[in-house]
Protein backbone atom coordinates (compact mmCIF):
# COMPACT_ATOMS: atom_id res chain seq x y z
CA MET A 1 -0.02 0.10 -0.05
CA LYS A 2 2.45 2.45 -1.35
CA ASP A 3 -0.16 5.71 -1.07
CA ASP A 4 -0.34 4.68 2.67
CA GLY A 5 2.96 5.16 3.29
CA ILE A 6 3.02 8.28 1.89
CA ARG A 7 0.67 9.02 4.02
CA TYR A 8 1.74 8.06 7.15
CA ARG A 9 4.74 9.87 6.56
CA TYR A 10 2.95 13.33 6.44
CA VAL A 11 1.83 12.77 9.47
CA ALA A 12 5.16 11.30 11.29
CA SER A 13 6.45 14.59 9.62
CA ASP A 14 6.54 18.42 10.86
CA LYS A 15 7.28 18.76 6.60
CA ALA A 16 3.08 18.13 5.64
CA PRO A 17 1.94 20.33 3.07
CA GLU A 18 -0.75 22.85 4.33
CA TRP A 19 -2.93 21.88 1.07
CA TRP A 20 -2.27 18.08 2.18
CA LEU A 21 -3.07 18.86 5.52
CA GLN A 22 -6.64 20.53 4.27
CA SER A 23 -7.23 17.99 1.41
CA LEU A 24 -6.56 14.68 3.70
CA GLU A 25 -9.89 13.48 5.48
CA ALA A 26 -9.87 14.55 8.69
CA ASP A 27 -9.40 11.08 10.53
CA VAL A 28 -7.84 8.44 10.17
CA GLY A 29 -9.31 5.89 11.99
CA PRO A 30 -8.99 7.88 16.12
CA ILE A 31 -6.81 9.49 14.83
CA LYS A 32 -7.05 13.23 13.80
CA VAL A 33 -4.51 14.97 11.70
CA VAL A 34 -4.82 19.03 12.19
CA SER A 35 -1.95 21.93 12.16
CA GLN A 36 0.92 22.01 14.20
CA GLU A 37 -0.60 24.77 15.43
CA LYS A 38 -3.93 22.69 16.66
CA ALA A 39 -1.92 20.33 17.99
CA GLU A 40 -0.08 23.18 20.74
CA GLN A 41 -3.90 23.55 22.33
CA ALA A 42 -4.10 19.38 22.95
CA ASP A 43 -4.53 18.37 26.46
CA LEU A 44 -1.62 15.80 26.03
CA VAL A 45 0.46 13.55 23.89
CA VAL A 46 -0.08 10.25 24.49
CA CYS A 47 3.57 8.91 23.95
CA VAL A 48 5.42 4.98 23.85
CA PHE A 49 7.59 3.39 26.21
CA ALA A 50 11.31 4.23 25.70
CA ASP A 51 12.44 0.58 25.89
CA ALA A 52 9.66 -0.17 23.48
CA GLU A 53 10.01 -2.55 20.66
CA PRO A 54 10.65 -1.73 17.55
CA VAL A 55 12.44 1.46 16.99
CA PHE A 56 11.75 3.22 13.57
CA PHE A 57 13.25 6.36 13.95
CA ASP A 58 16.97 7.45 15.39
CA ASP A 59 15.76 10.86 16.03
CA ASP A 60 13.24 10.38 19.27
CA ILE A 61 13.12 12.57 22.13
CA PHE A 62 13.49 10.26 25.68
CA THR A 63 11.87 12.22 28.82
CA VAL A 64 10.03 11.41 31.71
CA CYS A 65 5.79 11.14 32.06
CA ALA A 66 4.21 13.80 33.45
CA ASP A 67 2.12 11.77 35.40
CA CYS A 68 4.27 8.38 36.66
CA GLY A 69 7.44 9.57 35.86
CA ARG A 70 8.52 6.79 33.17
CA ALA A 71 10.57 7.09 30.97
CA ILE A 72 9.03 7.72 27.53
CA ARG A 73 10.14 8.83 23.88
CA HIS A 74 8.31 11.10 21.10
CA ARG A 75 8.67 12.51 17.69
CA PRO A 76 10.26 15.90 18.06
CA HIS A 77 8.01 17.32 16.39
CA ALA A 78 5.38 16.25 18.68
CA PRO A 79 3.38 19.70 20.30
CA LYS A 80 5.49 21.18 23.09
CA LYS A 81 3.00 22.88 24.85
CA PRO A 82 1.00 19.80 26.15
CA PRO A 83 2.43 17.39 29.22
CA LYS A 84 3.50 14.58 27.53
CA VAL A 85 2.09 11.15 29.28
CA CYS A 86 2.55 7.33 28.66
CA ILE A 87 0.10 5.16 27.47
CA ASN A 88 -0.97 3.48 30.89
CA CYS A 89 -1.56 7.03 32.69
CA ALA A 90 -3.28 8.04 29.30
CA LEU A 91 -5.98 5.05 30.18
CA GLN A 92 -5.64 6.30 33.55
CA ARG A 93 -6.64 9.62 32.79
CA LEU A 94 -9.44 8.52 30.60
CA GLU A 95 -11.17 6.18 32.95
CA GLN A 96 -11.14 9.33 35.09
CA GLU A 97 -12.57 11.58 32.75
CA ASN A 98 -15.48 8.90 32.02
CA HIS A 99 -16.44 7.66 36.00
CA HIS A 100 -16.71 10.91 36.66
CA GLY A 101 -19.45 11.65 33.48
CA ASP A 102 -21.24 8.34 34.62
CA VAL A 103 -21.91 10.50 38.34
């Protein structure tokens, strides 16, 4: 699926042309493709564990989860403002939101 490879390369790149973002269908499954400016308004950035395999990129940024302190990694063009959290903490936040919504 050559087209998907090209499509996802743009999703993983900060160099995606604006015309491409505007012409792309807004949703890629549960992932919504947005501009870098809009991404900076996100509530959080969900990151993989630092030791997750396989490693696809040599330029990943290594840091720690804003909630639990576990080592994580993310792409260098990830939004700067939102807190970076591991998948476990992201799921905990989601569960808490859902629980509070049920009250």
